[in-house]
Amino acid sequence: MKKTILVFVGLLGLGSLVWIPQVRSQAADSTAAFTISDIRVEGLQRISAGTVFNYLPAGVGSTISPADYAEIIRALFKTGFFTDISLARDGNVLVINVVERPSVAEINISGNKDISTDELLTALRDIGLAEGRVFDRALLDRIEQELINQYFGRGKYAAKLDVAVRTLPRNRVAIDLTVSEGVAARIRQINIVGNQDFDDDDLLDQFQLTTSGIITILTKSDQYSKQKLEADIEALRSFYLDRGYLRFNVNSTQVSISPDKKDIFITINITEGEPYTIRDVNLRGNLLVPEEELRGLITLQEGEVFSRSEANQVVQALADRFGEDGYAFAVINTIPNLDDATSQVDLTFAIDPGRRVYVRRINFTGNLKTNDDV
């Protein structure tokens, strides 16, 4: 019995698919549609045939023609499991030949001291690389960039990474990452631009980061860190908001590095605005507790300069009061209404007590000599 086999090979290159038909017999019309009686997948090593079937846009009983082969190959390539796919017809059997991508058996990291191996592995996992996953060479550039970014965030701009891929038996690979951390860049200068009501020293006192000096040999506060800078900017914001500057804004932050990657220069551009005084304080929502009692918990007074930290304390005091009545998850928001013409603010504490919480059961642990019920 003669077989008619039409082979379509999918080549993944430059983001496109190319299909090359090869007719191995002229006994029948190779371009004719046929109804699939069975599907055979060849070349699988770790991936199950069932997984392949789940991604196929056609199945047993489907009628397909060569015009459908491109869609089938495209669907399988999109899984990311394979480096090569070809289709063949053996009678009415659709034969799928695949070459699997290797799996990642090992990830070895050496040379890292400032960032733990677990932290680096987590960063790699976030971009799709982990032991047991399918290996994609296209990830290599992202691997290097992601880990270098981790070190840049800690001020180590001279960090370097060497990536080596070793082939292992059974279509597996090991990835060896060798880190050269270098030294952290030192902060040479911190400039705050736009401050008029407070001098630089008052503002820089709010910062964890400092410029280099004798004491920084011990404190290392002159070692740049993106996370520390973000915390310092938030501390600067709190400084102004606690003094009524409700229109305060950080317009931009520039971090530049010297050509030798040893010195950091930070410039923070701000707009201070004006300090706002409290004109009115209101309560809104389902109060449940007498308003007079709630107002007794509000320490912010009319005519005072607004303070965010004091407003937060009021929110906590109100939440605690509702908690005493069983409303453990009360939501309280502070809503400021600014009058820019007079530099005054009307405050509204919007209260949503939520549902009352009841105690269903109390469990004791560790009581070996006494019963729960005494």
Protein backbone atom coordinates (compact mmCIF):
# COMPACT_ATOMS: atom_id res chain seq x y z
CA MET A 1 0.00 0.00 0.00
CA LYS A 2 1.40 3.37 -0.96
CA LYS A 3 1.47 6.27 1.47
CA THR A 4 0.96 9.90 0.64
CA ILE A 5 2.92 12.11 2.98
CA LEU A 6 2.87 15.88 2.86
CA VAL A 7 5.45 17.42 5.16
CA PHE A 8 5.24 21.04 6.32
CA VAL A 9 8.26 22.19 8.29
CA GLY A 10 7.96 25.25 10.53
CA LEU A 11 11.15 27.22 10.88
CA LEU A 12 11.18 29.88 13.55
CA GLY A 13 13.39 32.69 12.39
CA LEU A 14 13.25 36.44 12.58
CA GLY A 15 9.78 36.31 14.05
CA SER A 16 8.24 34.57 11.02
CA LEU A 17 7.14 31.09 10.04
CA VAL A 18 8.18 29.40 6.80
CA TRP A 19 6.47 26.28 5.50
CA ILE A 20 8.27 24.02 3.02
CA PRO A 21 6.07 21.38 1.36
CA GLN A 22 7.75 18.09 0.45
CA VAL A 23 5.69 15.58 -1.54
CA ARG A 24 7.00 12.03 -1.10
CA SER A 25 4.50 10.32 -3.36
CA GLN A 26 2.46 11.25 -6.36
CA ALA A 27 -0.08 8.48 -5.93
CA ALA A 28 -2.70 10.87 -4.60
CA ASP A 29 -3.57 14.58 -4.56
CA SER A 30 -1.40 15.97 -1.74
CA THR A 31 -3.36 19.20 -1.63
CA ALA A 32 -6.68 17.52 -0.95
CA ALA A 33 -8.46 17.98 2.36
CA PHE A 34 -8.79 14.94 4.61
CA THR A 35 -10.55 13.98 7.82
CA ILE A 36 -8.18 13.20 10.67
CA SER A 37 -8.63 9.63 11.88
CA ASP A 38 -5.78 9.80 14.39
CA ILE A 39 -3.00 12.12 15.55
CA ARG A 40 0.51 10.88 16.24
CA VAL A 41 3.10 13.07 17.97
CA GLU A 42 6.74 12.09 17.55
CA GLY A 43 9.84 13.49 19.24
CA LEU A 44 8.37 14.10 22.69
CA GLN A 45 10.67 13.62 25.68
CA ARG A 46 9.15 15.38 28.70
CA ILE A 47 5.99 16.96 27.36
CA SER A 48 2.99 14.65 27.12
CA ALA A 49 1.01 14.08 23.95
CA GLY A 50 -2.06 15.24 25.86
CA THR A 51 -0.45 18.64 26.38
CA VAL A 52 0.11 18.93 22.63
CA PHE A 53 -3.48 17.91 21.91
CA ASN A 54 -4.74 20.66 24.26
CA TYR A 55 -3.11 23.33 22.10
CA LEU A 56 -4.13 21.94 18.72
CA PRO A 57 -6.82 23.90 16.86
CA ALA A 58 -7.90 20.60 15.21
CA GLY A 59 -8.57 17.10 16.50
CA VAL A 60 -9.67 13.63 15.49
CA GLY A 61 -12.70 13.99 13.22
CA SER A 62 -11.68 17.44 11.98
CA THR A 63 -11.35 17.98 8.27
CA ILE A 64 -8.21 19.89 7.35
CA SER A 65 -6.30 20.90 4.25
CA PRO A 66 -2.78 22.27 3.71
CA ALA A 67 -4.25 25.74 4.28
CA ASP A 68 -4.82 24.77 7.94
CA TYR A 69 -1.24 23.58 8.58
CA ALA A 70 0.08 27.08 9.19
CA GLU A 71 -2.44 27.63 11.98
CA ILE A 72 -1.53 24.31 13.62
CA ILE A 73 2.20 25.05 13.53
CA ARG A 74 1.66 28.59 14.79
CA ALA A 75 -0.44 27.34 17.72
CA LEU A 76 2.27 24.88 18.78
CA PHE A 77 5.09 27.40 18.42
CA LYS A 78 3.18 29.83 20.65
CA THR A 79 3.43 27.34 23.54
CA GLY A 80 7.18 28.00 23.69
CA PHE A 81 7.82 24.27 24.19
CA PHE A 82 9.45 23.55 20.84
CA THR A 83 12.33 24.73 18.66
CA ASP A 84 11.12 22.96 15.52
CA ILE A 85 7.79 21.54 14.34
CA SER A 86 6.84 19.65 11.19
CA LEU A 87 3.56 18.14 10.02
CA ALA A 88 3.12 15.02 7.90
CA ARG A 89 0.16 13.07 6.59
CA ASP A 90 0.24 9.27 6.73
CA GLY A 91 -3.00 8.25 5.12
CA ASN A 92 -5.59 9.98 7.26
CA VAL A 93 -3.27 10.15 10.25
CA LEU A 94 -1.83 13.57 11.10
CA VAL A 95 1.78 13.13 12.19
CA ILE A 96 3.35 15.93 14.24
CA ASN A 97 7.13 15.86 14.58
CA VAL A 98 8.58 18.13 17.26
CA VAL A 99 11.93 19.06 18.75
CA GLU A 100 11.51 20.10 22.37
CA ARG A 101 13.33 22.98 23.96
CA PRO A 102 15.66 21.79 26.73
CA SER A 103 14.61 22.12 30.34
CA VAL A 104 16.56 23.98 33.00
CA ALA A 105 18.08 21.42 35.37
CA GLU A 106 20.35 23.73 37.36
CA ILE A 107 20.89 27.42 38.02
CA ASN A 108 24.20 28.10 39.73
CA ILE A 109 25.09 31.59 40.99
CA SER A 110 28.52 32.50 42.32
CA GLY A 111 30.31 35.70 43.32
CA ASN A 112 27.26 37.35 44.89
CA LYS A 113 27.64 38.81 48.38
CA ASP A 114 25.49 41.94 48.56
CA ILE A 115 22.38 40.21 47.16
CA SER A 116 21.48 36.72 48.34
CA THR A 117 21.11 33.81 45.96
CA ASP A 118 17.43 33.48 46.89
CA GLU A 119 16.78 37.12 45.95
CA LEU A 120 18.49 36.67 42.59
CA LEU A 121 16.63 33.42 41.89
CA THR A 122 13.35 35.19 42.65
CA ALA A 123 14.25 37.94 40.17
CA LEU A 124 15.00 35.29 37.53
CA ARG A 125 11.76 33.47 38.25
CA ASP A 126 9.84 36.68 37.63
CA ILE A 127 11.15 36.82 34.06
CA GLY A 128 10.43 33.14 33.40
CA LEU A 129 13.66 31.34 34.31
CA ALA A 130 13.62 28.67 37.00
CA GLU A 131 14.70 25.09 37.50
CA GLY A 132 12.26 22.72 35.81
CA ARG A 133 11.04 25.28 33.29
CA VAL A 134 11.61 25.21 29.54
CA PHE A 135 14.81 27.01 28.54
CA ASP A 136 14.54 29.79 25.98
CA ARG A 137 17.81 31.25 24.71
CA ALA A 138 16.01 34.50 24.00
CA LEU A 139 15.92 34.98 27.80
CA LEU A 140 19.71 35.23 28.10
CA ASP A 141 19.84 38.98 27.43
CA ARG A 142 16.96 39.55 29.85
CA ILE A 143 18.71 37.46 32.49
CA GLU A 144 21.79 39.63 32.35
CA GLN A 145 19.82 42.87 32.32
CA GLU A 146 17.55 41.82 35.20
CA LEU A 147 20.40 40.84 37.51
CA ILE A 148 22.46 43.90 36.61
CA ASN A 149 19.40 46.04 37.41
CA GLN A 150 19.26 44.41 40.84
CA TYR A 151 22.79 45.67 41.51
CA PHE A 152 22.19 49.06 39.93
CA GLY A 153 19.33 49.49 42.41
CA ARG A 154 21.92 49.13 45.19
CA GLY A 155 24.35 51.58 43.68
CA LYS A 156 26.74 48.99 42.25
CA TYR A 157 27.03 50.39 38.77
CA ALA A 158 30.26 48.52 38.01
CA ALA A 159 28.58 45.13 38.47
CA LYS A 160 29.15 42.58 35.71
CA LEU A 161 27.59 39.22 34.96
CA ASP A 162 28.91 36.27 32.98
CA VAL A 163 26.33 33.74 31.77
CA ALA A 164 27.32 30.24 30.64
CA VAL A 165 24.96 27.51 29.43
CA ARG A 166 26.09 23.88 29.75
CA THR A 167 24.37 21.04 27.90
CA LEU A 168 23.38 18.08 30.06
CA PRO A 169 22.08 14.61 29.12
CA ARG A 170 18.38 14.03 28.41
CA ASN A 171 17.87 17.41 26.72
CA ARG A 172 18.64 19.47 29.80
CA VAL A 173 20.84 22.50 30.46
CA ALA A 174 22.65 24.02 33.41
CA ILE A 175 22.97 27.80 33.65
CA ASP A 176 26.03 29.15 35.45
CA LEU A 177 25.92 32.81 36.50
CA THR A 178 29.13 34.41 37.73
CA VAL A 179 28.69 37.82 39.35
CA SER A 180 31.34 40.50 39.74
CA GLU A 181 29.65 42.95 42.10
CA GLY A 182 32.22 45.74 42.19
CA VAL A 183 31.93 48.46 44.83
CA ALA A 184 28.93 50.65 45.55
CA ALA A 185 29.09 54.16 44.15
CA ARG A 186 29.36 56.88 46.81
CA ILE A 187 27.05 59.87 47.03
CA ARG A 188 29.10 62.95 46.29
CA GLN A 189 26.28 65.53 46.29
CA ILE A 190 22.56 65.84 47.09
CA ASN A 191 20.87 68.98 45.77
CA ILE A 192 17.31 70.07 46.54
CA VAL A 193 16.01 72.70 44.15
CA GLY A 194 12.88 74.81 44.71
CA ASN A 195 12.83 75.07 48.52
CA GLN A 196 12.22 78.57 49.87
CA ASP A 197 10.63 78.18 53.30
CA PHE A 198 13.11 75.59 54.60
CA ASP A 199 16.85 75.46 54.09
CA ASP A 200 18.76 72.50 52.68
CA ASP A 201 20.04 71.33 56.08
CA ASP A 202 16.51 71.04 57.51
CA LEU A 203 15.40 68.98 54.53
CA LEU A 204 18.49 66.78 54.27
CA ASP A 205 18.12 65.93 57.98
CA GLN A 206 15.08 63.88 56.91
CA PHE A 207 17.22 61.67 54.67
CA GLN A 208 18.87 58.34 55.41
CA LEU A 209 21.24 58.92 52.51
CA THR A 210 24.11 61.35 53.06
CA THR A 211 27.19 62.53 51.23
CA SER A 212 30.54 60.91 52.02
CA GLY A 213 32.30 61.83 55.25
CA ILE A 214 34.27 60.35 58.12
CA ILE A 215 31.23 58.85 59.84
CA THR A 216 29.97 57.18 56.65
CA ILE A 217 32.88 54.74 56.88
CA LEU A 218 30.84 53.12 59.65
CA THR A 219 27.27 53.99 58.68
CA LYS A 220 27.67 53.47 54.91
CA SER A 221 24.88 56.01 54.49
CA ASP A 222 26.72 57.39 51.46
CA GLN A 223 26.16 54.17 49.49
CA TYR A 224 23.42 54.86 46.98
CA SER A 225 20.31 52.71 46.97
CA LYS A 226 17.23 53.31 44.88
CA GLN A 227 15.02 51.97 47.67
CA LYS A 228 16.60 54.31 50.23
CA LEU A 229 16.19 57.29 47.93
CA GLU A 230 12.50 56.48 47.47
CA ALA A 231 12.12 56.26 51.26
CA ASP A 232 13.92 59.59 51.68
CA ILE A 233 11.64 61.29 49.16
CA GLU A 234 8.63 59.98 51.06
CA ALA A 235 10.16 61.31 54.30
CA LEU A 236 10.58 64.69 52.59
CA ARG A 237 6.94 64.60 51.52
CA SER A 238 5.85 63.78 55.09
CA PHE A 239 7.96 66.67 56.41
CA TYR A 240 6.03 69.15 54.28
CA LEU A 241 2.58 67.57 54.74
CA ASP A 242 3.01 67.62 58.51
CA ARG A 243 3.55 71.36 58.23
CA GLY A 244 0.46 72.02 56.13
CA TYR A 245 2.01 72.11 52.64
CA LEU A 246 -0.78 70.20 50.96
CA ARG A 247 0.27 71.27 47.46
CA PHE A 248 3.84 70.06 47.95
CA ASN A 249 5.14 68.13 44.97
CA VAL A 250 8.33 66.39 43.91
CA ASN A 251 8.61 67.45 40.29
CA SER A 252 11.55 65.28 39.31
CA THR A 253 14.50 63.31 40.63
CA GLN A 254 17.74 62.99 38.69
CA VAL A 255 20.48 60.55 39.61
CA SER A 256 23.70 60.87 37.63
CA ILE A 257 26.94 58.92 37.90
CA SER A 258 30.51 59.91 37.20
CA PRO A 259 32.29 58.37 34.19
CA ASP A 260 34.31 56.06 36.46
CA LYS A 261 31.03 54.88 38.09
CA LYS A 262 32.30 55.74 41.57
CA ASP A 263 30.39 58.95 42.42
CA ILE A 264 26.65 59.64 42.50
CA PHE A 265 25.03 63.07 42.16
CA ILE A 266 21.36 63.45 43.18
CA THR A 267 19.13 66.40 42.29
CA ILE A 268 15.56 66.67 43.61
CA ASN A 269 13.31 69.37 42.16
CA ILE A 270 10.35 70.34 44.36
CA THR A 271 7.47 72.79 44.57
CA GLU A 272 6.67 73.74 48.17
CA GLY A 273 3.36 75.54 47.77
CA GLU A 274 1.77 77.28 50.75
CA PRO A 275 0.89 75.98 54.25
CA TYR A 276 -2.86 75.37 54.71
CA THR A 277 -4.82 75.99 57.88
CA ILE A 278 -7.92 74.05 58.88
CA ARG A 279 -11.18 75.90 58.27
CA ASP A 280 -13.73 73.20 59.06
CA VAL A 281 -13.86 69.56 60.20
CA ASN A 282 -16.79 67.29 59.33
CA LEU A 283 -17.89 63.70 59.84
CA ARG A 284 -19.72 61.80 57.11
CA GLY A 285 -21.12 58.33 56.70
CA ASN A 286 -22.88 55.78 58.89
CA LEU A 287 -21.64 57.04 62.23
CA LEU A 288 -23.41 54.55 64.58
CA VAL A 289 -21.55 56.20 67.49
CA PRO A 290 -22.85 59.57 68.78
CA GLU A 291 -21.24 62.35 66.75
CA GLU A 292 -20.34 64.31 69.86
CA GLU A 293 -18.31 61.36 71.14
CA LEU A 294 -16.53 60.99 67.80
CA ARG A 295 -15.73 64.68 67.65
CA GLY A 296 -14.07 64.34 71.03
CA LEU A 297 -11.51 62.07 69.35
CA ILE A 298 -10.61 64.66 66.71
CA THR A 299 -7.56 66.60 67.86
CA LEU A 300 -7.33 68.73 64.72
CA GLN A 301 -8.83 72.12 65.43
CA GLU A 302 -10.06 74.96 63.25
CA GLY A 303 -7.39 77.58 62.68
CA GLU A 304 -4.52 75.12 63.16
CA VAL A 305 -2.00 74.27 60.46
CA PHE A 306 -2.87 70.93 58.89
CA SER A 307 -0.71 67.93 59.79
CA ARG A 308 -0.96 64.61 57.96
CA SER A 309 0.50 62.62 60.83
CA GLU A 310 -2.07 64.11 63.23
CA ALA A 311 -4.85 63.37 60.73
CA ASN A 312 -3.65 59.75 60.60
CA GLN A 313 -3.76 59.59 64.39
CA VAL A 314 -7.38 60.78 64.31
CA VAL A 315 -8.24 58.08 61.76
CA GLN A 316 -6.70 55.44 64.03
CA ALA A 317 -8.56 56.77 67.09
CA LEU A 318 -11.89 56.67 65.23
CA ALA A 319 -11.19 53.15 63.95
CA ASP A 320 -10.34 51.99 67.49
CA ARG A 321 -13.60 53.44 68.78
CA PHE A 322 -15.65 51.55 66.20
CA GLY A 323 -13.63 48.44 67.00
CA GLU A 324 -14.82 48.66 70.62
CA ASP A 325 -18.37 48.14 69.33
CA GLY A 326 -17.36 45.15 67.19
CA TYR A 327 -16.71 46.96 63.90
CA ALA A 328 -13.20 45.61 63.55
CA PHE A 329 -12.79 46.53 59.89
CA ALA A 330 -14.13 50.07 59.79
CA VAL A 331 -12.79 52.09 56.86
CA ILE A 332 -12.13 55.77 57.51
CA ASN A 333 -10.82 58.12 54.85
CA THR A 334 -9.62 61.69 55.24
CA ILE A 335 -10.94 63.89 52.42
CA PRO A 336 -9.37 67.37 52.14
CA ASN A 337 -11.13 70.13 50.20
CA LEU A 338 -8.57 72.84 49.44
CA ASP A 339 -9.34 76.52 49.02
CA ASP A 340 -6.26 77.79 47.21
CA ALA A 341 -7.41 81.40 47.34
CA THR A 342 -7.29 81.49 51.15
CA SER A 343 -4.84 78.59 51.75
CA GLN A 344 -7.45 76.86 53.90
CA VAL A 345 -8.68 73.28 53.96
CA ASP A 346 -12.00 71.72 54.93
CA LEU A 347 -11.51 68.20 56.29
CA THR A 348 -14.08 65.44 56.08
CA PHE A 349 -13.65 62.09 57.81
CA ALA A 350 -15.71 59.65 55.74
CA ILE A 351 -16.68 56.63 57.84
CA ASP A 352 -17.78 53.19 56.66
CA PRO A 353 -18.07 50.97 59.75
CA GLY A 354 -18.56 47.79 57.72
CA ARG A 355 -20.12 44.72 59.28
CA ARG A 356 -19.99 43.94 62.96
CA VAL A 357 -17.70 41.02 63.85
CA TYR A 358 -18.76 38.37 66.36
CA VAL A 359 -16.58 35.87 68.23
CA ARG A 360 -17.57 32.33 67.25
CA ARG A 361 -14.95 30.33 69.08
CA ILE A 362 -11.91 30.81 71.32
CA ASN A 363 -9.20 28.15 71.07
CA PHE A 364 -6.39 27.60 73.57
CA THR A 365 -3.09 25.93 72.75
CA GLY A 366 -0.34 24.82 75.08
CA ASN A 367 -2.63 24.19 78.08
CA LEU A 368 -1.49 20.70 79.09
CA LYS A 369 -2.59 20.67 82.75
CA THR A 370 -5.94 22.44 82.47
CA ASN A 371 -8.95 22.03 80.24
CA ASP A 372 -10.24 24.69 77.87
CA ASP A 373 -13.36 24.93 80.03
CA VAL A 374 -12.54 25.94 83.61
